[in-house]
N, C-alpha and C. Protein backbone atom coordinates (compact mmCIF):
# COMPACT_ATOMS: atom_id res chain seq x y z
N MET A 1 -90.64 -4.90 -37.23
CA MET A 1 -91.50 -5.40 -38.29
C MET A 1 -90.68 -6.34 -39.17
N ASP A 2 -91.28 -7.47 -39.53
CA ASP A 2 -90.61 -8.35 -40.47
C ASP A 2 -91.48 -8.52 -41.71
N ILE A 3 -91.05 -9.35 -42.61
CA ILE A 3 -91.75 -9.51 -43.88
C ILE A 3 -93.19 -9.96 -43.67
N ARG A 4 -93.41 -10.88 -42.73
CA ARG A 4 -94.78 -11.37 -42.48
C ARG A 4 -95.70 -10.23 -42.05
N ASP A 5 -95.19 -9.32 -41.21
CA ASP A 5 -96.00 -8.18 -40.78
C ASP A 5 -96.38 -7.30 -41.97
N LEU A 6 -95.42 -7.07 -42.84
CA LEU A 6 -95.67 -6.23 -44.01
C LEU A 6 -96.69 -6.88 -44.93
N GLU A 7 -96.61 -8.18 -45.11
CA GLU A 7 -97.56 -8.88 -45.97
C GLU A 7 -98.98 -8.77 -45.44
N GLU A 8 -99.15 -8.69 -44.13
CA GLU A 8 -100.48 -8.66 -43.53
C GLU A 8 -101.11 -7.27 -43.53
N MET A 9 -100.33 -6.24 -43.83
CA MET A 9 -100.88 -4.88 -43.85
C MET A 9 -101.78 -4.72 -45.07
N SER A 10 -102.91 -4.04 -44.90
CA SER A 10 -103.85 -3.89 -46.01
C SER A 10 -103.54 -2.66 -46.87
N ILE A 11 -102.78 -1.71 -46.35
CA ILE A 11 -102.47 -0.49 -47.10
C ILE A 11 -101.48 -0.82 -48.21
N GLY A 12 -101.80 -0.42 -49.43
CA GLY A 12 -100.90 -0.65 -50.55
C GLY A 12 -100.61 -2.12 -50.77
N ASP A 13 -101.66 -2.94 -50.75
CA ASP A 13 -101.51 -4.38 -50.74
C ASP A 13 -100.58 -4.91 -51.83
N SER A 14 -100.77 -4.49 -53.08
CA SER A 14 -99.92 -5.01 -54.14
C SER A 14 -98.48 -4.52 -53.99
N ARG A 15 -98.32 -3.32 -53.50
CA ARG A 15 -96.97 -2.78 -53.27
C ARG A 15 -96.29 -3.56 -52.15
N ASN A 16 -97.03 -3.86 -51.08
CA ASN A 16 -96.47 -4.65 -49.99
C ASN A 16 -96.07 -6.04 -50.46
N THR A 17 -96.90 -6.65 -51.26
CA THR A 17 -96.58 -7.98 -51.79
C THR A 17 -95.31 -7.92 -52.62
N PHE A 18 -95.21 -6.91 -53.48
CA PHE A 18 -94.03 -6.75 -54.31
C PHE A 18 -92.78 -6.55 -53.45
N LEU A 19 -92.89 -5.69 -52.45
CA LEU A 19 -91.77 -5.43 -51.55
C LEU A 19 -91.36 -6.70 -50.80
N CYS A 20 -92.33 -7.44 -50.33
CA CYS A 20 -92.04 -8.69 -49.61
C CYS A 20 -91.32 -9.68 -50.52
N ASN A 21 -91.75 -9.77 -51.75
CA ASN A 21 -91.08 -10.68 -52.69
C ASN A 21 -89.64 -10.26 -52.95
N ILE A 22 -89.40 -8.96 -53.02
CA ILE A 22 -88.03 -8.48 -53.22
C ILE A 22 -87.14 -8.87 -52.04
N MET A 23 -87.68 -8.79 -50.84
CA MET A 23 -86.87 -8.99 -49.63
C MET A 23 -86.68 -10.46 -49.24
N LYS A 24 -87.31 -11.38 -49.92
CA LYS A 24 -87.16 -12.79 -49.56
C LYS A 24 -85.71 -13.22 -49.78
N SER A 25 -85.18 -13.89 -48.77
CA SER A 25 -83.77 -14.28 -48.83
C SER A 25 -83.56 -15.66 -49.45
N ASP A 26 -84.61 -16.37 -49.75
CA ASP A 26 -84.46 -17.72 -50.30
C ASP A 26 -84.54 -17.76 -51.83
N ARG A 27 -84.47 -16.60 -52.45
CA ARG A 27 -84.55 -16.52 -53.91
C ARG A 27 -83.32 -17.17 -54.55
N LYS A 28 -83.56 -17.97 -55.58
CA LYS A 28 -82.48 -18.63 -56.31
C LYS A 28 -82.46 -18.10 -57.75
N PHE A 29 -81.27 -17.99 -58.30
CA PHE A 29 -81.11 -17.50 -59.66
C PHE A 29 -80.46 -18.58 -60.51
N GLN A 30 -80.85 -18.60 -61.77
CA GLN A 30 -80.29 -19.59 -62.70
C GLN A 30 -78.90 -19.19 -63.20
N SER A 31 -78.61 -17.89 -63.15
CA SER A 31 -77.32 -17.42 -63.64
C SER A 31 -76.98 -16.10 -62.97
N GLU A 32 -75.73 -15.70 -63.11
CA GLU A 32 -75.31 -14.39 -62.59
C GLU A 32 -76.02 -13.27 -63.34
N GLN A 33 -76.25 -13.48 -64.63
CA GLN A 33 -76.94 -12.47 -65.43
C GLN A 33 -78.37 -12.26 -64.93
N GLU A 34 -79.04 -13.34 -64.59
CA GLU A 34 -80.40 -13.24 -64.06
C GLU A 34 -80.40 -12.49 -62.72
N GLU A 35 -79.42 -12.79 -61.88
CA GLU A 35 -79.32 -12.10 -60.59
C GLU A 35 -79.02 -10.62 -60.79
N LEU A 36 -78.13 -10.30 -61.70
CA LEU A 36 -77.80 -8.91 -61.99
C LEU A 36 -79.02 -8.15 -62.48
N GLU A 37 -79.78 -8.75 -63.37
CA GLU A 37 -80.99 -8.11 -63.89
C GLU A 37 -82.00 -7.88 -62.76
N TYR A 38 -82.13 -8.84 -61.88
CA TYR A 38 -83.02 -8.71 -60.72
C TYR A 38 -82.59 -7.55 -59.84
N LEU A 39 -81.30 -7.46 -59.57
CA LEU A 39 -80.79 -6.37 -58.72
C LEU A 39 -80.99 -5.01 -59.38
N LYS A 40 -80.76 -4.94 -60.67
CA LYS A 40 -80.96 -3.68 -61.39
C LYS A 40 -82.42 -3.25 -61.37
N THR A 41 -83.32 -4.21 -61.44
CA THR A 41 -84.74 -3.93 -61.47
C THR A 41 -85.27 -3.50 -60.12
N THR A 42 -84.79 -4.14 -59.07
CA THR A 42 -85.33 -3.87 -57.74
C THR A 42 -84.68 -2.69 -57.02
N LYS A 43 -83.47 -2.33 -57.38
CA LYS A 43 -82.78 -1.25 -56.69
C LYS A 43 -83.57 0.07 -56.70
N PRO A 44 -84.09 0.53 -57.84
CA PRO A 44 -84.84 1.80 -57.82
C PRO A 44 -86.07 1.73 -56.90
N PHE A 45 -86.75 0.61 -56.91
CA PHE A 45 -87.93 0.46 -56.05
C PHE A 45 -87.54 0.55 -54.58
N LEU A 46 -86.47 -0.14 -54.19
CA LEU A 46 -86.04 -0.11 -52.80
C LEU A 46 -85.55 1.28 -52.40
N CYS A 47 -84.86 1.96 -53.29
CA CYS A 47 -84.42 3.34 -53.01
C CYS A 47 -85.62 4.25 -52.80
N GLU A 48 -86.63 4.12 -53.64
CA GLU A 48 -87.84 4.93 -53.50
C GLU A 48 -88.54 4.63 -52.18
N GLU A 49 -88.56 3.37 -51.80
CA GLU A 49 -89.20 2.97 -50.54
C GLU A 49 -88.48 3.59 -49.34
N ILE A 50 -87.16 3.55 -49.36
CA ILE A 50 -86.37 4.13 -48.27
C ILE A 50 -86.58 5.64 -48.19
N LEU A 51 -86.55 6.30 -49.34
CA LEU A 51 -86.75 7.75 -49.34
C LEU A 51 -88.15 8.13 -48.87
N SER A 52 -89.15 7.32 -49.22
CA SER A 52 -90.51 7.57 -48.73
C SER A 52 -90.57 7.45 -47.21
N CYS A 53 -89.89 6.44 -46.68
CA CYS A 53 -89.86 6.27 -45.22
C CYS A 53 -89.15 7.45 -44.56
N TYR A 54 -88.03 7.87 -45.12
CA TYR A 54 -87.31 9.02 -44.56
C TYR A 54 -88.18 10.27 -44.56
N THR A 55 -88.92 10.48 -45.65
CA THR A 55 -89.80 11.65 -45.75
C THR A 55 -90.87 11.59 -44.68
N PHE A 56 -91.48 10.43 -44.50
CA PHE A 56 -92.50 10.27 -43.47
C PHE A 56 -91.92 10.55 -42.09
N LEU A 57 -90.76 9.97 -41.80
CA LEU A 57 -90.14 10.18 -40.49
C LEU A 57 -89.80 11.65 -40.27
N GLU A 58 -89.28 12.31 -41.31
CA GLU A 58 -88.94 13.72 -41.18
C GLU A 58 -90.17 14.58 -40.94
N GLU A 59 -91.24 14.31 -41.68
CA GLU A 59 -92.48 15.08 -41.53
C GLU A 59 -93.10 14.90 -40.14
N ASN A 60 -92.78 13.82 -39.48
CA ASN A 60 -93.33 13.54 -38.16
C ASN A 60 -92.30 13.73 -37.05
N GLY A 61 -91.19 14.41 -37.37
CA GLY A 61 -90.19 14.76 -36.38
C GLY A 61 -89.43 13.59 -35.79
N MET A 62 -89.33 12.49 -36.55
CA MET A 62 -88.69 11.29 -36.02
C MET A 62 -87.41 10.87 -36.75
N LEU A 63 -87.02 11.61 -37.77
CA LEU A 63 -85.89 11.18 -38.59
C LEU A 63 -84.58 11.17 -37.82
N SER A 64 -84.30 12.22 -37.07
CA SER A 64 -83.03 12.26 -36.34
C SER A 64 -82.98 11.14 -35.29
N ARG A 65 -84.09 10.86 -34.66
CA ARG A 65 -84.12 9.76 -33.68
C ARG A 65 -83.88 8.42 -34.37
N TYR A 66 -84.47 8.25 -35.54
CA TYR A 66 -84.23 7.03 -36.30
C TYR A 66 -82.75 6.87 -36.60
N PHE A 67 -82.10 7.95 -37.07
CA PHE A 67 -80.67 7.86 -37.38
C PHE A 67 -79.86 7.53 -36.13
N GLN A 68 -80.22 8.11 -35.01
CA GLN A 68 -79.51 7.81 -33.75
C GLN A 68 -79.65 6.34 -33.40
N GLU A 69 -80.86 5.82 -33.49
CA GLU A 69 -81.09 4.41 -33.17
C GLU A 69 -80.36 3.50 -34.15
N ARG A 70 -80.45 3.84 -35.43
CA ARG A 70 -79.78 3.04 -36.46
C ARG A 70 -78.28 3.00 -36.24
N ASP A 71 -77.71 4.16 -35.97
CA ASP A 71 -76.26 4.25 -35.79
C ASP A 71 -75.80 3.54 -34.52
N ALA A 72 -76.67 3.42 -33.55
CA ALA A 72 -76.32 2.72 -32.31
C ALA A 72 -76.13 1.22 -32.56
N PHE A 73 -76.78 0.70 -33.61
CA PHE A 73 -76.67 -0.73 -33.90
C PHE A 73 -75.47 -1.06 -34.78
N CYS A 74 -74.85 -0.05 -35.35
CA CYS A 74 -73.72 -0.29 -36.27
C CYS A 74 -72.40 -0.34 -35.52
C-alpha cells in the first residue's frame, strides 16, 4: 500500500487525508524551528497509528508474521 491507496480508502477519510499529508516526502520548511514543530506535532499521531495497526494485527493472529516479514527486509 502506498499513499495514493490510503487516500482512496473511504474509512476514516479525514484521518487518512491527515496521515497522507504527514507522510508526503516533498514537504518544505521555512526554518529548522518550523520543521521541529512539525515533527513534534506529528510524532504522537504516527505512534498512535502504528500501535493501532499492531493491535489489529495481534487481534487477528498476524503480528508475529508481520514482525518476521519486517525483520527479513532489514
